[in-house]
Amino acid sequence: MKHKFGVKIMPREVILDTQGRAVEQTLKLNHLDVEMCRVGKYVELEIEGTADDARLKAEMIAKKVLHNPLIETYEVKGL
């Protein structure tokens, strides 16, 4: 059986998010004031196997391949 997962990858709070800052400045220049803007990545995975095995595999992929633990956090959710 196939299982789908979404992986949200965001910069850590203590890391300067230059992409987020650029979007924030562009919004402000267009009179669309926001308090803060952060830019991350979103990846969808489709994995074959049992629900538990697929979730473990998705977690392992996110942890070892998709994110940089020094500057990013990640969250895996079933879809």
C-alpha atoms as a PDB file:
ATOM      1  CA  MET A   1       0.000   0.000   0.000  1.00  0.00           C
ATOM      2  CA  LYS A   2       1.212   3.521  -0.814  1.00  0.00           C
ATOM      3  CA  HIS A   3       1.329   6.235   1.837  1.00  0.00           C
ATOM      4  CA  LYS A   4       1.807   9.977   1.290  1.00  0.00           C
ATOM      5  CA  PHE A   5       3.689  12.316   3.581  1.00  0.00           C
ATOM      6  CA  GLY A   6       4.358  16.032   3.530  1.00  0.00           C
ATOM      7  CA  VAL A   7       7.650  17.316   4.895  1.00  0.00           C
ATOM      8  CA  LYS A   8       7.841  20.967   5.950  1.00  0.00           C
ATOM      9  CA  ILE A   9      11.398  22.278   6.230  1.00  0.00           C
ATOM     10  CA  MET A  10      11.985  25.682   7.812  1.00  0.00           C
ATOM     11  CA  PRO A  11      15.037  27.685   8.835  1.00  0.00           C
ATOM     12  CA  ARG A  12      15.750  27.550  12.568  1.00  0.00           C
ATOM     13  CA  GLU A  13      14.514  30.583  14.507  1.00  0.00           C
ATOM     14  CA  VAL A  14      18.084  31.669  15.341  1.00  0.00           C
ATOM     15  CA  ILE A  15      19.194  31.610  11.676  1.00  0.00           C
ATOM     16  CA  LEU A  16      18.925  34.745   9.549  1.00  0.00           C
ATOM     17  CA  ASP A  17      16.384  33.941   6.818  1.00  0.00           C
ATOM     18  CA  THR A  18      17.580  36.153   3.966  1.00  0.00           C
ATOM     19  CA  GLN A  19      14.928  34.840   1.580  1.00  0.00           C
ATOM     20  CA  GLY A  20      12.197  35.549   4.128  1.00  0.00           C
ATOM     21  CA  ARG A  21      13.594  39.036   4.716  1.00  0.00           C
ATOM     22  CA  ALA A  22      13.577  39.749   0.970  1.00  0.00           C
ATOM     23  CA  VAL A  23       9.923  38.683   0.684  1.00  0.00           C
ATOM     24  CA  GLU A  24       9.061  40.726   3.787  1.00  0.00           C
ATOM     25  CA  GLN A  25      10.694  43.856   2.291  1.00  0.00           C
ATOM     26  CA  THR A  26       8.890  43.360  -1.028  1.00  0.00           C
ATOM     27  CA  LEU A  27       5.565  43.044   0.784  1.00  0.00           C
ATOM     28  CA  LYS A  28       6.251  46.221   2.760  1.00  0.00           C
ATOM     29  CA  LEU A  29       7.223  48.105  -0.399  1.00  0.00           C
ATOM     30  CA  ASN A  30       3.819  47.137  -1.783  1.00  0.00           C
ATOM     31  CA  HIS A  31       2.056  48.387   1.374  1.00  0.00           C
ATOM     32  CA  LEU A  32       1.318  44.816   2.498  1.00  0.00           C
ATOM     33  CA  ASP A  33       2.769  45.055   5.982  1.00  0.00           C
ATOM     34  CA  VAL A  34       3.498  41.823   7.801  1.00  0.00           C
ATOM     35  CA  GLU A  35       5.147  41.269  11.168  1.00  0.00           C
ATOM     36  CA  MET A  36       7.495  38.590   9.879  1.00  0.00           C
ATOM     37  CA  CYS A  37       8.008  36.358   6.864  1.00  0.00           C
ATOM     38  CA  ARG A  38       9.967  33.102   6.763  1.00  0.00           C
ATOM     39  CA  VAL A  39      10.543  31.010   3.645  1.00  0.00           C
ATOM     40  CA  GLY A  40      10.964  27.255   3.770  1.00  0.00           C
ATOM     41  CA  LYS A  41      10.529  24.167   1.610  1.00  0.00           C
ATOM     42  CA  TYR A  42       7.738  21.629   1.263  1.00  0.00           C
ATOM     43  CA  VAL A  43       8.331  18.118  -0.079  1.00  0.00           C
ATOM     44  CA  GLU A  44       5.734  15.386  -0.704  1.00  0.00           C
ATOM     45  CA  LEU A  45       6.790  11.758  -0.497  1.00  0.00           C
ATOM     46  CA  GLU A  46       4.867   8.669  -1.600  1.00  0.00           C
ATOM     47  CA  ILE A  47       6.199   5.518   0.036  1.00  0.00           C
ATOM     48  CA  GLU A  48       5.202   1.882  -0.420  1.00  0.00           C
ATOM     49  CA  GLY A  49       4.767  -0.371   2.641  1.00  0.00           C
ATOM     50  CA  THR A  50       2.868  -0.625   5.887  1.00  0.00           C
ATOM     51  CA  ALA A  51       1.792   2.626   7.538  1.00  0.00           C
ATOM     52  CA  ASP A  52       4.383   2.324  10.318  1.00  0.00           C
ATOM     53  CA  ASP A  53       7.232   1.358   7.991  1.00  0.00           C
ATOM     54  CA  ALA A  54       6.367   4.136   5.548  1.00  0.00           C
ATOM     55  CA  ARG A  55       6.291   6.740   8.338  1.00  0.00           C
ATOM     56  CA  LEU A  56       9.661   5.578   9.660  1.00  0.00           C
ATOM     57  CA  LYS A  57      11.111   5.779   6.163  1.00  0.00           C
ATOM     58  CA  ALA A  58       9.683   9.285   5.648  1.00  0.00           C
ATOM     59  CA  GLU A  59      11.177  10.412   8.973  1.00  0.00           C
ATOM     60  CA  MET A  60      14.558   8.932   8.039  1.00  0.00           C
ATOM     61  CA  ILE A  61      14.508  10.602   4.613  1.00  0.00           C
ATOM     62  CA  ALA A  62      13.632  13.974   6.157  1.00  0.00           C
ATOM     63  CA  LYS A  63      16.258  13.638   8.868  1.00  0.00           C
ATOM     64  CA  LYS A  64      19.143  12.369   6.751  1.00  0.00           C
ATOM     65  CA  VAL A  65      18.545  13.858   3.304  1.00  0.00           C
ATOM     66  CA  LEU A  66      16.006  16.686   3.122  1.00  0.00           C
ATOM     67  CA  HIS A  67      17.099  19.019   5.896  1.00  0.00           C
ATOM     68  CA  ASN A  68      20.329  20.456   7.222  1.00  0.00           C
ATOM     69  CA  PRO A  69      20.188  20.006  11.025  1.00  0.00           C
ATOM     70  CA  LEU A  70      22.531  22.939  11.610  1.00  0.00           C
ATOM     71  CA  ILE A  71      20.204  25.521  10.089  1.00  0.00           C
ATOM     72  CA  GLU A  72      16.797  23.865   9.527  1.00  0.00           C
ATOM     73  CA  THR A  73      14.009  22.042  11.312  1.00  0.00           C
ATOM     74  CA  TYR A  74      11.553  19.620   9.757  1.00  0.00           C
ATOM     75  CA  GLU A  75       8.083  18.218  10.388  1.00  0.00           C
ATOM     76  CA  VAL A  76       6.601  15.119   8.751  1.00  0.00           C
ATOM     77  CA  LYS A  77       2.819  14.780   8.404  1.00  0.00           C
ATOM     78  CA  GLY A  78       0.727  12.050   6.823  1.00  0.00           C
ATOM     79  CA  LEU A  79      -1.487  13.191   3.942  1.00  0.00           C
END
